[in-house]
């Protein structure tokens, strides 16, 4: 069930041209901007790859549906959808920030009262579909999980990675990161 690295890259190239939700960029532009922000922040190669692949579940949903753009009116649980396809390819240092990046938004809304105001309209809409702001107990439980801090940082890159026509390295640039962190058995 796992994808190969070449299949991951192919999916990004093929489905990445789809619009990124209700934002003014496409999926691949968003992924590349997010990875660029992580790389410039000095993140580990694993967190850079997680930043690149955090929304791969959206592309898999579109692939499964055979749709040009998948439905953004309901939550597709994209943070979980990609995990079975990536599990044999990457360690938890890549997978867990992907799994936790939606909950990181819920957490940031809890701990930073002004964070909600910084979210795009599309991100506010999806937050409501994803369960809304965490309670104090949910926030504490979230931060106890391994890789929660990485997920919070990824979330911040995710929020900033929505700039139309921003020049960033292309997908070929991130092949070295993908190959570096891929499990050798894959």
Protein backbone atom coordinates (compact mmCIF):
# COMPACT_ATOMS: atom_id res chain seq x y z
CA UNK A 1 0.00 0.00 0.00
CA UNK A 2 3.00 2.32 0.47
CA UNK A 3 3.91 4.66 -2.31
CA UNK A 4 7.42 4.79 -3.70
CA UNK A 5 9.35 8.06 -3.80
CA UNK A 6 8.80 8.30 -7.54
CA UNK A 7 5.05 7.80 -7.02
CA UNK A 8 4.99 10.55 -4.37
CA UNK A 9 6.79 12.95 -6.73
CA UNK A 10 4.50 11.94 -9.60
CA UNK A 11 1.41 12.58 -7.47
CA UNK A 12 2.72 16.03 -6.53
CA UNK A 13 3.43 16.82 -10.18
CA UNK A 14 0.13 15.42 -11.49
CA UNK A 15 -2.38 16.51 -8.83
CA UNK A 16 -0.39 19.44 -7.47
CA UNK A 17 -1.78 21.70 -10.17
CA UNK A 18 -5.20 21.57 -8.49
CA UNK A 19 -6.21 24.70 -6.63
CA UNK A 20 -5.33 24.66 -2.94
CA UNK A 21 -8.79 24.81 -1.38
CA UNK A 22 -10.13 28.35 -1.56
CA UNK A 23 -6.64 29.91 -1.69
CA UNK A 24 -5.14 31.77 -4.66
CA UNK A 25 -2.42 29.15 -5.27
CA UNK A 26 -2.28 25.51 -6.28
CA UNK A 27 -1.44 22.49 -4.12
CA UNK A 28 2.14 22.17 -5.37
CA UNK A 29 2.88 25.87 -4.86
CA UNK A 30 1.60 25.54 -1.30
CA UNK A 31 3.70 22.43 -0.63
CA UNK A 32 6.86 24.02 -2.05
CA UNK A 33 6.34 27.27 -0.13
CA UNK A 34 5.80 25.34 3.09
CA UNK A 35 8.96 23.25 2.56
CA UNK A 36 10.92 26.39 1.67
CA UNK A 37 9.87 28.09 4.91
CA UNK A 38 10.86 25.01 6.92
CA UNK A 39 14.21 24.76 5.17
CA UNK A 40 14.97 28.46 5.67
CA UNK A 41 14.08 28.09 9.36
CA UNK A 42 16.77 25.42 9.70
CA UNK A 43 14.41 22.52 10.30
CA UNK A 44 15.61 18.93 10.12
CA UNK A 45 15.33 17.20 6.74
CA UNK A 46 12.44 15.17 8.22
CA UNK A 47 10.48 18.30 9.11
CA UNK A 48 11.21 19.82 5.68
CA UNK A 49 9.80 16.66 4.06
CA UNK A 50 6.79 16.69 6.42
CA UNK A 51 6.21 20.31 5.39
CA UNK A 52 6.38 19.35 1.72
CA UNK A 53 4.00 16.39 2.13
CA UNK A 54 1.63 17.60 4.87
CA UNK A 55 -1.32 17.99 2.49
CA UNK A 56 -0.63 14.92 0.34
CA UNK A 57 -3.92 13.49 1.63
CA UNK A 58 -5.79 16.15 -0.36
CA UNK A 59 -4.07 14.93 -3.53
CA UNK A 60 -4.83 11.30 -2.70
CA UNK A 61 -8.49 12.22 -2.14
CA UNK A 62 -8.61 13.93 -5.53
CA UNK A 63 -6.88 10.93 -7.11
CA UNK A 64 -9.38 8.53 -5.54
CA UNK A 65 -12.35 10.66 -6.53
CA UNK A 66 -10.95 11.21 -10.02
CA UNK A 67 -11.91 14.82 -9.45
CA UNK A 68 -10.15 17.87 -10.78
CA UNK A 69 -10.78 19.57 -7.45
CA UNK A 70 -12.06 17.69 -4.46
CA UNK A 71 -14.84 18.90 -2.22
CA UNK A 72 -13.68 21.54 0.25
CA UNK A 73 -17.09 21.84 1.85
CA UNK A 74 -16.43 18.88 4.14
CA UNK A 75 -13.34 17.75 6.02
CA UNK A 76 -11.58 14.96 4.14
CA UNK A 77 -9.34 14.04 7.11
CA UNK A 78 -6.36 14.57 4.83
CA UNK A 79 -3.95 14.53 7.79
CA UNK A 80 -4.72 10.82 8.19
CA UNK A 81 -5.34 9.80 4.59
CA UNK A 82 -1.71 9.97 3.46
CA UNK A 83 -0.26 8.02 6.40
CA UNK A 84 -0.88 4.46 5.13
CA UNK A 85 0.66 5.43 1.79
CA UNK A 86 3.75 6.94 3.43
CA UNK A 87 4.21 4.59 6.40
CA UNK A 88 6.64 2.22 4.68
CA UNK A 89 8.57 5.11 3.20
CA UNK A 90 9.22 7.45 6.13
CA UNK A 91 9.71 7.34 9.91
CA UNK A 92 7.49 8.95 12.52
CA UNK A 93 9.68 12.07 12.36
CA UNK A 94 7.98 12.75 9.00
CA UNK A 95 4.61 11.09 9.58
CA UNK A 96 3.67 12.48 12.99
CA UNK A 97 3.96 16.19 12.10
CA UNK A 98 1.75 15.44 9.08
CA UNK A 99 -0.80 13.65 11.29
CA UNK A 100 -0.75 16.42 13.89
CA UNK A 101 -0.71 19.56 11.72
CA UNK A 102 -4.51 20.02 11.79
CA UNK A 103 -4.60 19.64 15.57
CA UNK A 104 -1.73 22.14 15.76
CA UNK A 105 -4.07 24.78 14.30
CA UNK A 106 -6.66 23.94 16.93
CA UNK A 107 -3.93 24.21 19.60
CA UNK A 108 -2.62 27.56 18.36
CA UNK A 109 -6.13 29.00 18.48
CA UNK A 110 -6.27 27.95 22.14
CA UNK A 111 -2.91 29.33 23.28
CA UNK A 112 -2.76 32.49 21.14
CA UNK A 113 -6.00 34.46 21.28
CA UNK A 114 -5.02 36.55 18.23
CA UNK A 115 -4.07 33.51 16.10
CA UNK A 116 -7.64 33.07 14.80
CA UNK A 117 -7.52 36.55 13.26
CA UNK A 118 -4.39 35.62 11.27
CA UNK A 119 -6.05 32.66 9.56
CA UNK A 120 -7.29 32.96 5.99
CA UNK A 121 -11.06 32.64 5.49
CA UNK A 122 -10.51 29.16 4.04
CA UNK A 123 -8.46 28.10 7.06
CA UNK A 124 -11.11 29.44 9.45
CA UNK A 125 -13.75 27.49 7.56
CA UNK A 126 -11.76 24.26 7.71
CA UNK A 127 -11.02 24.77 11.43
CA UNK A 128 -14.73 24.60 12.18
CA UNK A 129 -15.01 21.38 10.17
CA UNK A 130 -12.01 19.95 12.03
CA UNK A 131 -13.50 20.36 15.50
CA UNK A 132 -12.84 23.99 16.36
CA UNK A 133 -10.54 25.34 19.05
CA UNK A 134 -9.10 22.84 21.53
CA UNK A 135 -10.20 22.88 25.16
CA UNK A 136 -7.44 23.31 27.77
CA UNK A 137 -7.38 19.54 28.37
CA UNK A 138 -7.20 18.78 24.64
CA UNK A 139 -4.38 21.29 24.24
CA UNK A 140 -2.37 19.73 27.06
CA UNK A 141 -2.89 16.23 25.67
CA UNK A 142 -1.86 17.42 22.20
CA UNK A 143 1.46 18.85 23.40
CA UNK A 144 2.30 15.62 25.26
CA UNK A 145 2.49 13.74 21.96
CA UNK A 146 5.85 13.11 20.28
CA UNK A 147 6.47 15.56 17.41
CA UNK A 148 3.77 18.00 18.56
CA UNK A 149 6.30 20.86 18.64
CA UNK A 150 7.34 20.06 15.06
CA UNK A 151 3.68 19.98 14.05
CA UNK A 152 3.13 23.44 15.55
CA UNK A 153 6.08 24.82 13.59
CA UNK A 154 4.83 23.07 10.43
CA UNK A 155 1.43 24.67 11.04
CA UNK A 156 2.99 28.11 11.11
CA UNK A 157 4.75 27.44 7.79
CA UNK A 158 1.44 26.09 6.45
CA UNK A 159 -0.30 29.34 7.37
CA UNK A 160 2.34 31.46 5.61
CA UNK A 161 2.62 29.28 2.49
CA UNK A 162 -0.20 30.86 0.51
CA UNK A 163 1.52 33.62 -1.46
CA UNK A 164 0.61 33.83 -5.17
CA UNK A 165 3.60 33.81 -7.55
CA UNK A 166 6.17 33.44 -4.75
CA UNK A 167 9.48 32.17 -6.12
CA UNK A 168 10.76 29.11 -4.25
CA UNK A 169 12.91 26.09 -5.17
CA UNK A 170 11.16 23.59 -7.42
CA UNK A 171 10.23 20.01 -6.61
CA UNK A 172 13.54 18.68 -7.96
CA UNK A 173 15.29 20.63 -5.18
CA UNK A 174 13.43 18.57 -2.55
CA UNK A 175 14.26 15.19 -4.12
CA UNK A 176 17.51 15.17 -2.13
CA UNK A 177 15.54 15.69 1.11
CA UNK A 178 13.07 12.97 0.17
CA UNK A 179 15.85 10.52 -0.63
CA UNK A 180 17.81 11.45 2.49
CA UNK A 181 14.97 10.67 4.89
CA UNK A 182 13.32 7.76 3.05
CA UNK A 183 13.70 4.41 4.75
CA UNK A 184 16.43 2.41 3.06
CA UNK A 185 14.19 -0.65 2.90
CA UNK A 186 11.71 1.30 0.76
